[in-house]
Amino acid sequence: MVSSETVSVNLKPTAGFCIKTKTVQDALYKPVGNDSNLPLGKGMKIFMNVAWDSNVPAPPETSEEIIEKVLAGTEDQEDAWYVPIVVSEGRLDADKGKHIPWDFRQSNDTHQSCHSWEQSSCV
């Protein structure tokens, strides 16, 4: 069971990589705690910045078999396994035009585990 307790932590992430994509249709994004919507026009750039930080909790211990099931999408409810990720709110930035970056922070342990797993779908 995942705790709903809120804890504030300062993160100093190690840079990982950036996934760049674009919106395929017009949409509205409503950031949490903001009363106004941010329009996302068709073709707007979206950046997903992935990094690692020791203050993000590591995934729970489990077997390679369960991790393989989760990555394949064939896990059972009792096999529930997850990778804790801290996700920022999207924000409007500009680099040669407007784009919306989101920051994703994972545990340093997750980063190290990715190198040892055979699955190439690990992020």
C-alpha atoms as a PDB file:
ATOM      1  CA  MET A   1       0.000   0.000   0.000  1.00  0.00           C
ATOM      2  CA  VAL A   2       1.299   3.451  -0.926  1.00  0.00           C
ATOM      3  CA  SER A   3       1.287   6.060   1.832  1.00  0.00           C
ATOM      4  CA  SER A   4      -0.601   9.314   1.262  1.00  0.00           C
ATOM      5  CA  GLU A   5       1.696  11.191   3.666  1.00  0.00           C
ATOM      6  CA  THR A   6       3.272  14.321   2.158  1.00  0.00           C
ATOM      7  CA  VAL A   7       6.975  14.903   2.759  1.00  0.00           C
ATOM      8  CA  SER A   8       8.986  17.856   1.445  1.00  0.00           C
ATOM      9  CA  VAL A   9      12.469  17.032   0.168  1.00  0.00           C
ATOM     10  CA  ASN A  10      15.009  19.134  -1.734  1.00  0.00           C
ATOM     11  CA  LEU A  11      16.162  17.347  -4.859  1.00  0.00           C
ATOM     12  CA  LYS A  12      19.537  17.800  -6.558  1.00  0.00           C
ATOM     13  CA  PRO A  13      19.160  15.408  -9.470  1.00  0.00           C
ATOM     14  CA  THR A  14      21.812  13.944 -11.716  1.00  0.00           C
ATOM     15  CA  ALA A  15      20.921  14.628 -15.342  1.00  0.00           C
ATOM     16  CA  GLY A  16      19.711  11.672 -17.358  1.00  0.00           C
ATOM     17  CA  PHE A  17      18.088  12.245 -20.722  1.00  0.00           C
ATOM     18  CA  CYS A  18      15.271  14.152 -22.404  1.00  0.00           C
ATOM     19  CA  ILE A  19      12.369  12.684 -24.361  1.00  0.00           C
ATOM     20  CA  LYS A  20      11.063  15.196 -26.906  1.00  0.00           C
ATOM     21  CA  THR A  21       7.620  14.862 -28.472  1.00  0.00           C
ATOM     22  CA  LYS A  22       4.817  17.032 -29.849  1.00  0.00           C
ATOM     23  CA  THR A  23       1.095  17.278 -29.224  1.00  0.00           C
ATOM     24  CA  VAL A  24      -1.047  15.669 -31.936  1.00  0.00           C
ATOM     25  CA  GLN A  25      -4.113  17.829 -31.303  1.00  0.00           C
ATOM     26  CA  ASP A  26      -5.158  20.987 -29.474  1.00  0.00           C
ATOM     27  CA  ALA A  27      -5.670  20.484 -25.742  1.00  0.00           C
ATOM     28  CA  LEU A  28      -5.839  22.345 -22.428  1.00  0.00           C
ATOM     29  CA  TYR A  29      -3.535  21.616 -19.488  1.00  0.00           C
ATOM     30  CA  LYS A  30      -4.620  22.739 -16.026  1.00  0.00           C
ATOM     31  CA  PRO A  31      -1.685  22.830 -13.589  1.00  0.00           C
ATOM     32  CA  VAL A  32      -2.506  21.887  -9.996  1.00  0.00           C
ATOM     33  CA  GLY A  33      -3.303  24.933  -7.875  1.00  0.00           C
ATOM     34  CA  ASN A  34      -3.732  27.170 -10.901  1.00  0.00           C
ATOM     35  CA  ASP A  35      -7.145  28.523 -11.877  1.00  0.00           C
ATOM     36  CA  SER A  36      -6.240  29.074 -15.524  1.00  0.00           C
ATOM     37  CA  ASN A  37      -5.756  26.533 -18.272  1.00  0.00           C
ATOM     38  CA  LEU A  38      -2.643  26.451 -20.404  1.00  0.00           C
ATOM     39  CA  PRO A  39      -3.512  25.896 -24.064  1.00  0.00           C
ATOM     40  CA  LEU A  40      -1.469  23.227 -25.822  1.00  0.00           C
ATOM     41  CA  GLY A  41      -1.738  23.828 -29.538  1.00  0.00           C
ATOM     42  CA  LYS A  42      -1.327  21.031 -32.054  1.00  0.00           C
ATOM     43  CA  GLY A  43       2.385  20.521 -32.708  1.00  0.00           C
ATOM     44  CA  MET A  44       3.525  22.123 -29.424  1.00  0.00           C
ATOM     45  CA  LYS A  45       6.784  20.630 -28.160  1.00  0.00           C
ATOM     46  CA  ILE A  46       6.644  18.595 -24.944  1.00  0.00           C
ATOM     47  CA  PHE A  47       9.917  17.758 -23.143  1.00  0.00           C
ATOM     48  CA  MET A  48      10.148  15.011 -20.519  1.00  0.00           C
ATOM     49  CA  ASN A  49      13.389  15.496 -18.584  1.00  0.00           C
ATOM     50  CA  VAL A  50      14.404  12.263 -16.832  1.00  0.00           C
ATOM     51  CA  ALA A  51      16.959  12.394 -14.003  1.00  0.00           C
ATOM     52  CA  TRP A  52      17.950  10.531 -10.831  1.00  0.00           C
ATOM     53  CA  ASP A  53      18.200  11.606  -7.210  1.00  0.00           C
ATOM     54  CA  SER A  54      19.165   9.748  -4.038  1.00  0.00           C
ATOM     55  CA  ASN A  55      16.257  11.377  -2.152  1.00  0.00           C
ATOM     56  CA  VAL A  56      13.641   9.609  -4.294  1.00  0.00           C
ATOM     57  CA  PRO A  57      12.760   6.235  -2.743  1.00  0.00           C
ATOM     58  CA  ALA A  58      13.886   3.080  -4.494  1.00  0.00           C
ATOM     59  CA  PRO A  59      11.313   0.618  -5.845  1.00  0.00           C
ATOM     60  CA  PRO A  60      10.361  -2.158  -3.427  1.00  0.00           C
ATOM     61  CA  GLU A  61      12.405  -5.355  -3.538  1.00  0.00           C
ATOM     62  CA  THR A  62      10.912  -8.027  -5.783  1.00  0.00           C
ATOM     63  CA  SER A  63      11.938 -10.860  -8.064  1.00  0.00           C
ATOM     64  CA  GLU A  64      13.166 -10.514 -11.652  1.00  0.00           C
ATOM     65  CA  GLU A  65      10.131 -12.606 -12.664  1.00  0.00           C
ATOM     66  CA  ILE A  66       7.682 -10.027 -11.287  1.00  0.00           C
ATOM     67  CA  ILE A  67       9.617  -7.129 -12.877  1.00  0.00           C
ATOM     68  CA  GLU A  68       9.447  -8.955 -16.224  1.00  0.00           C
ATOM     69  CA  LYS A  69       5.672  -9.444 -15.772  1.00  0.00           C
ATOM     70  CA  VAL A  70       5.188  -5.747 -14.966  1.00  0.00           C
ATOM     71  CA  LEU A  71       7.237  -4.638 -17.986  1.00  0.00           C
ATOM     72  CA  ALA A  72       5.245  -7.017 -20.195  1.00  0.00           C
ATOM     73  CA  GLY A  73       1.917  -5.848 -18.701  1.00  0.00           C
ATOM     74  CA  THR A  74       0.989  -9.350 -17.505  1.00  0.00           C
ATOM     75  CA  GLU A  75       1.262  -8.886 -13.730  1.00  0.00           C
ATOM     76  CA  ASP A  76      -1.476  -9.984 -11.338  1.00  0.00           C
ATOM     77  CA  GLN A  77      -2.828  -7.729  -8.570  1.00  0.00           C
ATOM     78  CA  GLU A  78      -0.686  -9.546  -6.001  1.00  0.00           C
ATOM     79  CA  ASP A  79       2.356  -8.842  -8.197  1.00  0.00           C
ATOM     80  CA  ALA A  80       1.813  -5.078  -7.952  1.00  0.00           C
ATOM     81  CA  TRP A  81       5.225  -3.439  -8.274  1.00  0.00           C
ATOM     82  CA  TYR A  82       6.045   0.162  -9.051  1.00  0.00           C
ATOM     83  CA  VAL A  83       8.903   2.586  -9.566  1.00  0.00           C
ATOM     84  CA  PRO A  84       8.520   5.747  -7.439  1.00  0.00           C
ATOM     85  CA  ILE A  85       8.809   8.837  -9.636  1.00  0.00           C
ATOM     86  CA  VAL A  86       8.613  12.500  -8.653  1.00  0.00           C
ATOM     87  CA  VAL A  87       6.912  14.460 -11.461  1.00  0.00           C
ATOM     88  CA  SER A  88       6.922  18.244 -11.649  1.00  0.00           C
ATOM     89  CA  GLU A  89       4.084  20.356 -12.948  1.00  0.00           C
ATOM     90  CA  GLY A  90       4.421  21.306 -16.580  1.00  0.00           C
ATOM     91  CA  ARG A  91       5.578  24.855 -17.148  1.00  0.00           C
ATOM     92  CA  LEU A  92       5.716  27.110 -20.171  1.00  0.00           C
ATOM     93  CA  ASP A  93       9.313  27.713 -21.327  1.00  0.00           C
ATOM     94  CA  ALA A  94      10.859  29.004 -24.511  1.00  0.00           C
ATOM     95  CA  ASP A  95      13.769  27.820 -26.626  1.00  0.00           C
ATOM     96  CA  LYS A  96      13.379  28.897 -30.213  1.00  0.00           C
ATOM     97  CA  GLY A  97       9.630  28.900 -29.492  1.00  0.00           C
ATOM     98  CA  LYS A  98       7.275  27.714 -26.775  1.00  0.00           C
ATOM     99  CA  HIS A  99       7.497  24.298 -25.184  1.00  0.00           C
ATOM    100  CA  ILE A 100       6.271  22.599 -22.016  1.00  0.00           C
ATOM    101  CA  PRO A 101       8.802  20.648 -19.952  1.00  0.00           C
ATOM    102  CA  TRP A 102       7.936  18.135 -17.241  1.00  0.00           C
ATOM    103  CA  ASP A 103      10.654  16.833 -14.914  1.00  0.00           C
ATOM    104  CA  PHE A 104      10.703  13.162 -13.866  1.00  0.00           C
ATOM    105  CA  ARG A 105      12.970  12.146 -10.977  1.00  0.00           C
ATOM    106  CA  GLN A 106      13.730   8.534 -10.083  1.00  0.00           C
ATOM    107  CA  SER A 107      15.881   6.880  -7.447  1.00  0.00           C
ATOM    108  CA  ASN A 108      19.600   6.382  -8.047  1.00  0.00           C
ATOM    109  CA  ASP A 109      18.885   2.698  -7.332  1.00  0.00           C
ATOM    110  CA  THR A 110      16.454   2.615 -10.273  1.00  0.00           C
ATOM    111  CA  HIS A 111      19.139   4.028 -12.543  1.00  0.00           C
ATOM    112  CA  GLN A 112      21.642   1.386 -11.432  1.00  0.00           C
ATOM    113  CA  SER A 113      19.051  -1.393 -11.812  1.00  0.00           C
ATOM    114  CA  CYS A 114      18.285  -0.294 -15.371  1.00  0.00           C
ATOM    115  CA  HIS A 115      21.827  -1.102 -16.358  1.00  0.00           C
ATOM    116  CA  SER A 116      21.541  -4.634 -15.004  1.00  0.00           C
ATOM    117  CA  TRP A 117      18.108  -5.477 -16.442  1.00  0.00           C
ATOM    118  CA  GLU A 118      18.005  -7.109 -19.844  1.00  0.00           C
ATOM    119  CA  GLN A 119      14.796  -5.294 -20.848  1.00  0.00           C
ATOM    120  CA  SER A 120      15.494  -2.308 -23.071  1.00  0.00           C
ATOM    121  CA  SER A 121      12.178  -0.698 -22.065  1.00  0.00           C
ATOM    122  CA  CYS A 122      13.484   0.340 -18.649  1.00  0.00           C
ATOM    123  CA  VAL A 123      13.516   4.107 -18.119  1.00  0.00           C
END
